N, C-alpha and C. Protein backbone atom coordinates (compact mmCIF):
# COMPACT_ATOMS: atom_id res chain seq x y z
N MET A 1 32.90 -51.94 4.39
CA MET A 1 31.65 -51.19 4.38
C MET A 1 30.53 -52.04 4.96
N ALA A 2 30.48 -53.28 4.52
CA ALA A 2 29.41 -54.14 4.96
C ALA A 2 29.46 -54.36 6.48
N LYS A 3 30.63 -54.46 7.06
CA LYS A 3 30.81 -54.65 8.51
C LYS A 3 30.17 -53.51 9.33
N PHE A 4 30.30 -52.31 8.77
CA PHE A 4 29.73 -51.16 9.44
C PHE A 4 28.31 -50.84 9.00
N GLU A 5 27.76 -51.72 8.14
CA GLU A 5 26.40 -51.60 7.64
C GLU A 5 26.09 -50.27 6.96
N THR A 6 27.12 -49.74 6.22
CA THR A 6 26.96 -48.42 5.54
C THR A 6 26.64 -48.61 4.09
N GLY A 7 26.93 -49.76 3.54
CA GLY A 7 26.73 -49.94 2.15
C GLY A 7 27.54 -51.07 1.57
N LYS A 8 27.45 -51.35 0.23
CA LYS A 8 28.21 -52.38 -0.39
C LYS A 8 29.60 -51.97 -0.75
N ARG A 9 29.78 -50.73 -1.23
CA ARG A 9 31.10 -50.31 -1.64
C ARG A 9 31.20 -48.78 -1.64
N ILE A 10 32.41 -48.33 -1.70
CA ILE A 10 32.68 -46.92 -1.81
C ILE A 10 33.29 -46.65 -3.19
N ASN A 11 32.81 -45.66 -3.93
CA ASN A 11 33.25 -45.34 -5.24
C ASN A 11 34.02 -44.00 -5.20
N VAL A 12 35.20 -44.07 -5.71
CA VAL A 12 36.07 -42.84 -5.67
C VAL A 12 36.42 -42.46 -7.13
N ASN A 13 36.06 -41.26 -7.50
CA ASN A 13 36.39 -40.71 -8.83
C ASN A 13 37.38 -39.56 -8.59
N TYR A 14 38.63 -39.83 -9.00
CA TYR A 14 39.74 -38.88 -8.73
C TYR A 14 40.32 -38.41 -10.01
N GLN A 15 40.34 -37.04 -10.24
CA GLN A 15 40.96 -36.51 -11.42
C GLN A 15 42.27 -35.83 -11.00
N LEU A 16 43.36 -36.44 -11.26
CA LEU A 16 44.68 -35.96 -10.80
C LEU A 16 44.96 -34.61 -11.33
N LYS A 17 44.67 -34.35 -12.62
CA LYS A 17 45.02 -33.09 -13.27
C LYS A 17 44.38 -31.89 -12.48
N TYR A 18 43.19 -32.03 -11.97
CA TYR A 18 42.54 -30.93 -11.27
C TYR A 18 42.49 -31.22 -9.74
N GLN A 19 43.06 -32.33 -9.25
CA GLN A 19 42.98 -32.71 -7.90
C GLN A 19 41.55 -32.61 -7.37
N LEU A 20 40.62 -33.13 -8.20
CA LEU A 20 39.22 -33.14 -7.92
C LEU A 20 38.80 -34.54 -7.48
N ILE A 21 38.09 -34.68 -6.43
CA ILE A 21 37.68 -35.96 -5.96
C ILE A 21 36.16 -35.94 -5.70
N SER A 22 35.46 -36.98 -6.13
CA SER A 22 34.10 -37.14 -5.82
C SER A 22 33.94 -38.61 -5.29
N ILE A 23 33.18 -38.69 -4.23
CA ILE A 23 33.06 -39.98 -3.50
C ILE A 23 31.58 -40.31 -3.35
N SER A 24 31.21 -41.51 -3.64
CA SER A 24 29.81 -41.99 -3.44
C SER A 24 29.84 -43.33 -2.79
N ILE A 25 28.71 -43.70 -2.23
CA ILE A 25 28.59 -44.98 -1.60
C ILE A 25 27.44 -45.71 -2.28
N THR A 26 27.64 -47.01 -2.63
CA THR A 26 26.55 -47.83 -3.12
C THR A 26 25.90 -48.52 -2.00
N THR A 27 24.64 -48.26 -1.79
CA THR A 27 23.87 -48.83 -0.64
C THR A 27 23.57 -50.29 -0.89
N PHE A 28 23.04 -50.97 0.08
CA PHE A 28 22.59 -52.37 -0.07
C PHE A 28 21.43 -52.51 -1.09
N ASP A 29 20.78 -51.38 -1.38
CA ASP A 29 19.72 -51.42 -2.41
C ASP A 29 20.19 -51.08 -3.78
N ASP A 30 21.51 -51.02 -3.99
CA ASP A 30 22.17 -50.65 -5.24
C ASP A 30 21.90 -49.18 -5.67
N VAL A 31 21.70 -48.34 -4.69
CA VAL A 31 21.49 -46.91 -4.95
C VAL A 31 22.80 -46.22 -4.69
N GLU A 32 23.29 -45.41 -5.64
CA GLU A 32 24.54 -44.65 -5.47
C GLU A 32 24.24 -43.26 -4.90
N ARG A 33 24.81 -43.00 -3.74
CA ARG A 33 24.62 -41.74 -3.04
C ARG A 33 25.92 -40.98 -2.87
N ASP A 34 25.93 -39.72 -3.18
CA ASP A 34 27.18 -38.92 -3.00
C ASP A 34 27.51 -38.79 -1.47
N LEU A 35 28.78 -38.88 -1.19
CA LEU A 35 29.25 -38.72 0.14
C LEU A 35 29.45 -37.20 0.43
N VAL A 36 28.72 -36.66 1.32
CA VAL A 36 28.85 -35.26 1.71
C VAL A 36 29.83 -35.13 2.86
N ASP A 37 30.76 -34.17 2.75
CA ASP A 37 31.82 -34.12 3.74
C ASP A 37 31.38 -33.49 5.09
N PHE A 38 30.58 -32.51 5.09
CA PHE A 38 30.09 -31.86 6.32
C PHE A 38 31.31 -31.24 7.13
N GLY A 39 32.43 -31.02 6.49
CA GLY A 39 33.54 -30.31 7.17
C GLY A 39 34.39 -31.26 8.02
N TYR A 40 34.18 -32.57 7.94
CA TYR A 40 34.99 -33.57 8.72
C TYR A 40 36.24 -33.97 8.04
N GLY A 41 36.43 -33.61 6.78
CA GLY A 41 37.73 -33.89 6.09
C GLY A 41 37.81 -35.27 5.52
N ILE A 42 36.64 -35.98 5.35
CA ILE A 42 36.68 -37.33 4.83
C ILE A 42 37.31 -37.33 3.42
N LYS A 43 36.83 -36.39 2.53
CA LYS A 43 37.39 -36.40 1.20
C LYS A 43 38.86 -36.04 1.17
N GLN A 44 39.32 -35.15 2.04
CA GLN A 44 40.76 -34.78 2.08
C GLN A 44 41.57 -36.03 2.51
N LEU A 45 41.05 -36.79 3.53
CA LEU A 45 41.72 -37.97 3.95
C LEU A 45 41.86 -38.98 2.89
N ILE A 46 40.85 -39.24 2.07
CA ILE A 46 40.87 -40.15 1.02
C ILE A 46 41.90 -39.73 -0.06
N LEU A 47 41.88 -38.40 -0.39
CA LEU A 47 42.78 -37.86 -1.32
C LEU A 47 44.22 -38.06 -0.87
N ILE A 48 44.54 -37.86 0.40
CA ILE A 48 45.88 -38.07 0.92
C ILE A 48 46.26 -39.51 0.81
N LEU A 49 45.34 -40.41 1.14
CA LEU A 49 45.63 -41.86 1.04
C LEU A 49 45.93 -42.27 -0.44
N ILE A 50 45.16 -41.74 -1.36
CA ILE A 50 45.39 -42.01 -2.82
C ILE A 50 46.80 -41.60 -3.17
N GLN A 51 47.21 -40.35 -2.79
CA GLN A 51 48.53 -39.81 -3.05
C GLN A 51 49.58 -40.68 -2.48
N MET A 52 49.38 -41.10 -1.22
CA MET A 52 50.41 -41.96 -0.61
C MET A 52 50.53 -43.28 -1.29
N LEU A 53 49.40 -43.92 -1.64
CA LEU A 53 49.47 -45.17 -2.35
C LEU A 53 50.12 -45.04 -3.77
N THR A 54 49.86 -43.93 -4.41
CA THR A 54 50.48 -43.71 -5.76
C THR A 54 51.94 -43.53 -5.58
N SER A 55 52.40 -42.82 -4.56
CA SER A 55 53.81 -42.62 -4.40
C SER A 55 54.49 -43.98 -4.06
N LEU A 56 53.84 -44.76 -3.17
CA LEU A 56 54.39 -46.05 -2.80
C LEU A 56 54.48 -46.96 -3.99
N TYR A 57 53.45 -46.95 -4.85
CA TYR A 57 53.45 -47.81 -6.02
C TYR A 57 54.64 -47.42 -6.98
N GLN A 58 54.89 -46.10 -7.08
CA GLN A 58 55.96 -45.62 -7.96
C GLN A 58 57.32 -46.02 -7.44
N ILE A 59 57.48 -46.05 -6.10
CA ILE A 59 58.73 -46.41 -5.46
C ILE A 59 58.95 -47.92 -5.70
N ILE A 60 57.94 -48.72 -5.50
CA ILE A 60 58.10 -50.13 -5.57
C ILE A 60 58.32 -50.60 -7.01
N TYR A 61 57.68 -50.02 -8.00
CA TYR A 61 57.71 -50.50 -9.39
C TYR A 61 58.59 -49.60 -10.24
N SER A 62 59.48 -48.77 -9.71
CA SER A 62 60.38 -47.96 -10.54
C SER A 62 61.74 -48.58 -10.59
């Protein structure tokens, strides 16, 4: 995030039971701002990545 000068970190709150995801960015001023999708599919992409990583983790550690 810092390399792209968009903020300090990205915060992902994912509720598996409801498949609900909320994403925010912490700016360099320590302000947390919600990430709005605007139809580009950013939230869906992050959700897919989380599911892939969860599946990979289960395969490796099962």
